[in-house]
Amino acid sequence: MAYGVRVLARPEIGAGFALAGLQSVPAAGATEGRERLQEVLAMPDVGVVLMEEDLYDGLPDDVRRQLGRRPLPMVIPFPGPAWAREVESADSYIVELLRQVIGYRVRLK
C-alpha cells in the first residue's frame, strides 16, 4: 500500500505546499488544528503529516505522547516562516558581499 503526505498548516502556509504538489489541510488556530489532525489521522492512506510548529505546540502533552507512539502516520512539526527580518550590522553585510565577490571570507579590522 502506498502512503501519502498531508500538510496541516495555516491556509497561507498550506498554499505554498499545495503549489509544490502536496495536499494541504488548512487550520486557522490550535483548536481547529487539533480537530483537523484527528481527521487526518483517521485517513488510511496517510503515512506522514507535516504539521506547522505553532499548531503542534498547541496540542496537549498527552496527545503529543500518543503521536510519538504511533507507527503511522508519522507527525512531523516544521517551523513556520519568520516574518520579522533579522537586523544585520553594516560590517557583516560588507563581509558577505566581499565573500560573494571574492569567493572567500575576509576579516575587517
C-alpha atoms as a PDB file:
ATOM      1  CA  MET A   1       0.000   0.000   0.000  1.00  0.00           C
ATOM      2  CA  ALA A   2       1.264   3.480  -0.859  1.00  0.00           C
ATOM      3  CA  TYR A   3       1.026   6.162   1.785  1.00  0.00           C
ATOM      4  CA  GLY A   4       0.707   9.863   1.111  1.00  0.00           C
ATOM      5  CA  VAL A   5       1.818  13.086   2.756  1.00  0.00           C
ATOM      6  CA  ARG A   6      -0.535  15.722   4.128  1.00  0.00           C
ATOM      7  CA  VAL A   7       0.407  19.188   5.333  1.00  0.00           C
ATOM      8  CA  LEU A   8      -1.505  20.610   8.297  1.00  0.00           C
ATOM      9  CA  ALA A   9      -0.872  24.349   8.420  1.00  0.00           C
ATOM     10  CA  ARG A  10      -2.456  27.773   8.343  1.00  0.00           C
ATOM     11  CA  PRO A  11      -4.086  28.485   4.954  1.00  0.00           C
ATOM     12  CA  GLU A  12      -1.423  30.977   3.876  1.00  0.00           C
ATOM     13  CA  ILE A  13       1.341  28.430   4.586  1.00  0.00           C
ATOM     14  CA  GLY A  14      -0.543  25.472   3.135  1.00  0.00           C
ATOM     15  CA  ALA A  15      -0.961  27.288  -0.180  1.00  0.00           C
ATOM     16  CA  GLY A  16       2.787  27.114  -0.767  1.00  0.00           C
ATOM     17  CA  PHE A  17       2.855  23.391  -0.099  1.00  0.00           C
ATOM     18  CA  ALA A  18      -0.118  22.928  -2.425  1.00  0.00           C
ATOM     19  CA  LEU A  19       1.865  24.669  -5.174  1.00  0.00           C
ATOM     20  CA  ALA A  20       4.621  22.111  -4.563  1.00  0.00           C
ATOM     21  CA  GLY A  21       2.120  19.285  -5.107  1.00  0.00           C
ATOM     22  CA  LEU A  22       1.376  18.297  -1.512  1.00  0.00           C
ATOM     23  CA  GLN A  23      -2.186  18.113  -0.253  1.00  0.00           C
ATOM     24  CA  SER A  24      -2.800  20.727   2.385  1.00  0.00           C
ATOM     25  CA  VAL A  25      -5.295  20.652   5.250  1.00  0.00           C
ATOM     26  CA  PRO A  26      -5.957  24.207   6.467  1.00  0.00           C
ATOM     27  CA  ALA A  27      -6.287  25.058  10.158  1.00  0.00           C
ATOM     28  CA  ALA A  28      -6.603  28.624  11.390  1.00  0.00           C
ATOM     29  CA  GLY A  29      -5.595  28.033  15.003  1.00  0.00           C
ATOM     30  CA  ALA A  30      -4.664  25.486  17.655  1.00  0.00           C
ATOM     31  CA  THR A  31      -8.232  24.340  18.326  1.00  0.00           C
ATOM     32  CA  GLU A  32      -9.003  23.837  14.668  1.00  0.00           C
ATOM     33  CA  GLY A  33      -5.582  22.194  14.276  1.00  0.00           C
ATOM     34  CA  ARG A  34      -6.500  19.517  16.833  1.00  0.00           C
ATOM     35  CA  GLU A  35      -9.778  18.814  15.040  1.00  0.00           C
ATOM     36  CA  ARG A  36      -8.140  18.638  11.619  1.00  0.00           C
ATOM     37  CA  LEU A  37      -5.365  16.408  12.971  1.00  0.00           C
ATOM     38  CA  GLN A  38      -7.942  13.877  14.186  1.00  0.00           C
ATOM     39  CA  GLU A  39      -9.483  13.865  10.696  1.00  0.00           C
ATOM     40  CA  VAL A  40      -6.110  13.326   9.033  1.00  0.00           C
ATOM     41  CA  LEU A  41      -5.124  10.577  11.477  1.00  0.00           C
ATOM     42  CA  ALA A  42      -8.306   8.695  10.509  1.00  0.00           C
ATOM     43  CA  MET A  43      -7.343   8.650   6.808  1.00  0.00           C
ATOM     44  CA  PRO A  44      -5.980   5.198   5.934  1.00  0.00           C
ATOM     45  CA  ASP A  45      -3.813   6.422   3.032  1.00  0.00           C
ATOM     46  CA  VAL A  46      -1.748   8.966   5.019  1.00  0.00           C
ATOM     47  CA  GLY A  47       1.755   7.964   6.145  1.00  0.00           C
ATOM     48  CA  VAL A  48       3.275  11.351   7.013  1.00  0.00           C
ATOM     49  CA  VAL A  49       1.673  14.503   8.405  1.00  0.00           C
ATOM     50  CA  LEU A  50       3.767  17.663   8.214  1.00  0.00           C
ATOM     51  CA  MET A  51       2.315  19.934  10.895  1.00  0.00           C
ATOM     52  CA  GLU A  52       3.154  23.588  11.386  1.00  0.00           C
ATOM     53  CA  GLU A  53       5.062  24.003  14.647  1.00  0.00           C
ATOM     54  CA  ASP A  54       2.650  26.583  16.107  1.00  0.00           C
ATOM     55  CA  LEU A  55      -0.247  24.150  15.666  1.00  0.00           C
ATOM     56  CA  TYR A  56       1.814  21.260  17.034  1.00  0.00           C
ATOM     57  CA  ASP A  57       2.769  23.288  20.116  1.00  0.00           C
ATOM     58  CA  GLY A  58      -0.948  23.883  20.745  1.00  0.00           C
ATOM     59  CA  LEU A  59      -1.561  20.157  21.201  1.00  0.00           C
ATOM     60  CA  PRO A  60      -1.887  18.828  24.738  1.00  0.00           C
ATOM     61  CA  ASP A  61       1.133  16.898  26.050  1.00  0.00           C
ATOM     62  CA  ASP A  62      -0.747  13.598  26.221  1.00  0.00           C
ATOM     63  CA  VAL A  63      -1.749  13.895  22.540  1.00  0.00           C
ATOM     64  CA  ARG A  64       1.875  14.546  21.559  1.00  0.00           C
ATOM     65  CA  ARG A  65       2.984  11.480  23.523  1.00  0.00           C
ATOM     66  CA  GLN A  66       0.349   9.362  21.754  1.00  0.00           C
ATOM     67  CA  LEU A  67       1.549  10.654  18.393  1.00  0.00           C
ATOM     68  CA  GLY A  68       5.105   9.645  19.291  1.00  0.00           C
ATOM     69  CA  ARG A  69       3.998   6.080  19.984  1.00  0.00           C
ATOM     70  CA  ARG A  70       2.016   5.671  16.756  1.00  0.00           C
ATOM     71  CA  PRO A  71       3.806   3.965  13.889  1.00  0.00           C
ATOM     72  CA  LEU A  72       1.684   5.636  11.192  1.00  0.00           C
ATOM     73  CA  PRO A  73       1.056   8.308  10.305  1.00  0.00           C
ATOM     74  CA  MET A  74       4.211   9.993  11.498  1.00  0.00           C
ATOM     75  CA  VAL A  75       3.525  13.566  12.614  1.00  0.00           C
ATOM     76  CA  ILE A  76       6.471  15.855  11.944  1.00  0.00           C
ATOM     77  CA  PRO A  77       6.378  19.501  13.085  1.00  0.00           C
ATOM     78  CA  PHE A  78       8.036  22.096  10.868  1.00  0.00           C
ATOM     79  CA  PRO A  79       8.810  25.734  11.720  1.00  0.00           C
ATOM     80  CA  GLY A  80       6.614  28.413  10.246  1.00  0.00           C
ATOM     81  CA  PRO A  81       8.002  31.443   8.491  1.00  0.00           C
ATOM     82  CA  ALA A  82       9.672  34.196  10.472  1.00  0.00           C
ATOM     83  CA  TRP A  83       8.023  37.417   9.360  1.00  0.00           C
ATOM     84  CA  ALA A  84      10.476  39.668  11.187  1.00  0.00           C
ATOM     85  CA  ARG A  85      13.627  40.465   9.266  1.00  0.00           C
ATOM     86  CA  GLU A  86      16.933  39.969  11.020  1.00  0.00           C
ATOM     87  CA  VAL A  87      18.927  43.130  11.569  1.00  0.00           C
ATOM     88  CA  GLU A  88      22.460  42.837  10.244  1.00  0.00           C
ATOM     89  CA  SER A  89      25.312  45.085  11.116  1.00  0.00           C
ATOM     90  CA  ALA A  90      26.919  47.065   8.313  1.00  0.00           C
ATOM     91  CA  ASP A  91      30.176  45.128   8.777  1.00  0.00           C
ATOM     92  CA  SER A  92      28.538  41.737   8.351  1.00  0.00           C
ATOM     93  CA  TYR A  93      26.757  42.961   5.233  1.00  0.00           C
ATOM     94  CA  ILE A  94      30.042  44.160   3.697  1.00  0.00           C
ATOM     95  CA  VAL A  95      31.826  40.936   4.649  1.00  0.00           C
ATOM     96  CA  GLU A  96      29.082  38.884   2.986  1.00  0.00           C
ATOM     97  CA  LEU A  97      29.280  40.980  -0.181  1.00  0.00           C
ATOM     98  CA  LEU A  98      33.054  40.530  -0.293  1.00  0.00           C
ATOM     99  CA  ARG A  99      32.694  36.791   0.265  1.00  0.00           C
ATOM    100  CA  GLN A 100      30.323  36.547  -2.687  1.00  0.00           C
ATOM    101  CA  VAL A 101      32.566  38.612  -4.995  1.00  0.00           C
ATOM    102  CA  ILE A 102      35.986  37.296  -3.947  1.00  0.00           C
ATOM    103  CA  GLY A 103      34.963  33.771  -3.090  1.00  0.00           C
ATOM    104  CA  TYR A 104      36.251  33.579   0.468  1.00  0.00           C
ATOM    105  CA  ARG A 105      35.599  35.287   3.766  1.00  0.00           C
ATOM    106  CA  VAL A 106      37.693  38.299   4.730  1.00  0.00           C
ATOM    107  CA  ARG A 107      38.164  39.848   8.149  1.00  0.00           C
ATOM    108  CA  LEU A 108      37.575  43.560   8.562  1.00  0.00           C
ATOM    109  CA  LYS A 109      39.640  45.427  11.153  1.00  0.00           C
END
